[in-house]
Amino acid sequence: MSRVSRCLDNQPIERFWGTYKSESYYLTKYDTYEDILTEVSQYIYYYNNYRYVECLDGLAPNEYRRAA
């Protein structure tokens, strides 16, 4: 954050973690810390390459960036 009470800098990462928790974390039981790390890295790959977003014209984030 750039200064006190400036939450706009945090918005993208807060949105990502909120989406991750609702789509994956709360639906899965993890036995070890390594399982969580593996799941997070797999979800980030899925989020960037396969998860279609309506506000990006129905494209995945990486597809949208390539088209731009």
C-alpha atoms as a PDB file:
ATOM      1  CA  MET A   1       0.000   0.000   0.000  1.00  0.00           C
ATOM      2  CA  SER A   2       1.297   3.403  -0.858  1.00  0.00           C
ATOM      3  CA  ARG A   3       0.087   5.151   2.307  1.00  0.00           C
ATOM      4  CA  VAL A   4      -2.186   4.680   5.279  1.00  0.00           C
ATOM      5  CA  SER A   5      -5.863   4.102   4.420  1.00  0.00           C
ATOM      6  CA  ARG A   6      -5.180   3.574   0.697  1.00  0.00           C
ATOM      7  CA  CYS A   7      -6.820   0.224   0.094  1.00  0.00           C
ATOM      8  CA  LEU A   8      -7.059   0.587  -3.704  1.00  0.00           C
ATOM      9  CA  ASP A   9      -3.535  -0.802  -4.108  1.00  0.00           C
ATOM     10  CA  ASN A  10      -4.702  -3.997  -2.423  1.00  0.00           C
ATOM     11  CA  GLN A  11      -7.864  -4.523  -4.456  1.00  0.00           C
ATOM     12  CA  PRO A  12      -6.556  -6.898  -7.186  1.00  0.00           C
ATOM     13  CA  ILE A  13      -4.896  -9.316  -4.782  1.00  0.00           C
ATOM     14  CA  GLU A  14      -7.813  -9.198  -2.332  1.00  0.00           C
ATOM     15  CA  ARG A  15     -10.168 -10.043  -5.192  1.00  0.00           C
ATOM     16  CA  PHE A  16      -7.960 -12.943  -6.280  1.00  0.00           C
ATOM     17  CA  TRP A  17      -7.788 -14.445  -2.779  1.00  0.00           C
ATOM     18  CA  GLY A  18     -11.522 -13.980  -2.290  1.00  0.00           C
ATOM     19  CA  THR A  19     -12.208 -15.826  -5.540  1.00  0.00           C
ATOM     20  CA  TYR A  20      -9.696 -18.541  -4.683  1.00  0.00           C
ATOM     21  CA  LYS A  21     -11.215 -19.143  -1.278  1.00  0.00           C
ATOM     22  CA  SER A  22     -14.769 -19.378  -2.574  1.00  0.00           C
ATOM     23  CA  GLU A  23     -13.910 -21.563  -5.608  1.00  0.00           C
ATOM     24  CA  SER A  24     -11.296 -23.857  -4.135  1.00  0.00           C
ATOM     25  CA  TYR A  25     -10.057 -23.435  -0.548  1.00  0.00           C
ATOM     26  CA  TYR A  26     -13.366 -23.847   1.287  1.00  0.00           C
ATOM     27  CA  LEU A  27     -14.277 -26.873  -0.855  1.00  0.00           C
ATOM     28  CA  THR A  28     -11.127 -28.882  -0.157  1.00  0.00           C
ATOM     29  CA  LYS A  29      -9.648 -30.518   2.938  1.00  0.00           C
ATOM     30  CA  TYR A  30      -5.862 -30.221   3.106  1.00  0.00           C
ATOM     31  CA  ASP A  31      -3.655 -32.612   5.063  1.00  0.00           C
ATOM     32  CA  THR A  32      -0.314 -30.856   4.752  1.00  0.00           C
ATOM     33  CA  TYR A  33       1.103 -27.440   4.002  1.00  0.00           C
ATOM     34  CA  GLU A  34       2.618 -28.812   0.777  1.00  0.00           C
ATOM     35  CA  ASP A  35      -0.881 -29.780  -0.400  1.00  0.00           C
ATOM     36  CA  ILE A  36      -1.990 -26.176   0.024  1.00  0.00           C
ATOM     37  CA  LEU A  37       1.044 -24.851  -1.870  1.00  0.00           C
ATOM     38  CA  THR A  38       0.422 -27.277  -4.726  1.00  0.00           C
ATOM     39  CA  GLU A  39      -3.264 -26.388  -4.871  1.00  0.00           C
ATOM     40  CA  VAL A  40      -2.549 -22.637  -4.899  1.00  0.00           C
ATOM     41  CA  SER A  41      -0.035 -22.944  -7.744  1.00  0.00           C
ATOM     42  CA  GLN A  42      -2.455 -25.119  -9.746  1.00  0.00           C
ATOM     43  CA  TYR A  43      -5.270 -22.642  -9.128  1.00  0.00           C
ATOM     44  CA  ILE A  44      -3.122 -19.691 -10.257  1.00  0.00           C
ATOM     45  CA  TYR A  45      -2.350 -21.549 -13.490  1.00  0.00           C
ATOM     46  CA  TYR A  46      -6.059 -22.334 -13.966  1.00  0.00           C
ATOM     47  CA  TYR A  47      -7.057 -18.755 -13.091  1.00  0.00           C
ATOM     48  CA  ASN A  48      -4.726 -17.250 -15.714  1.00  0.00           C
ATOM     49  CA  ASN A  49      -5.185 -19.773 -18.524  1.00  0.00           C
ATOM     50  CA  TYR A  50      -8.579 -21.477 -18.343  1.00  0.00           C
ATOM     51  CA  ARG A  51     -10.985 -19.498 -16.149  1.00  0.00           C
ATOM     52  CA  TYR A  52     -13.171 -17.437 -18.456  1.00  0.00           C
ATOM     53  CA  VAL A  53     -14.154 -14.015 -17.145  1.00  0.00           C
ATOM     54  CA  GLU A  54     -17.290 -12.263 -18.328  1.00  0.00           C
ATOM     55  CA  CYS A  55     -15.879  -8.741 -18.008  1.00  0.00           C
ATOM     56  CA  LEU A  56     -12.937  -9.734 -20.258  1.00  0.00           C
ATOM     57  CA  ASP A  57     -15.296 -10.495 -23.164  1.00  0.00           C
ATOM     58  CA  GLY A  58     -15.545 -14.141 -22.140  1.00  0.00           C
ATOM     59  CA  LEU A  59     -11.805 -14.775 -22.396  1.00  0.00           C
ATOM     60  CA  ALA A  60      -9.284 -16.101 -19.922  1.00  0.00           C
ATOM     61  CA  PRO A  61      -6.872 -13.401 -18.622  1.00  0.00           C
ATOM     62  CA  ASN A  62      -3.914 -14.606 -20.705  1.00  0.00           C
ATOM     63  CA  GLU A  63      -6.066 -14.846 -23.850  1.00  0.00           C
ATOM     64  CA  TYR A  64      -7.282 -11.296 -23.248  1.00  0.00           C
ATOM     65  CA  ARG A  65      -3.726  -9.996 -22.859  1.00  0.00           C
ATOM     66  CA  ARG A  66      -2.620 -11.727 -26.093  1.00  0.00           C
ATOM     67  CA  ALA A  67      -5.580 -10.250 -27.977  1.00  0.00           C
ATOM     68  CA  ALA A  68      -4.856  -6.735 -26.727  1.00  0.00           C
END
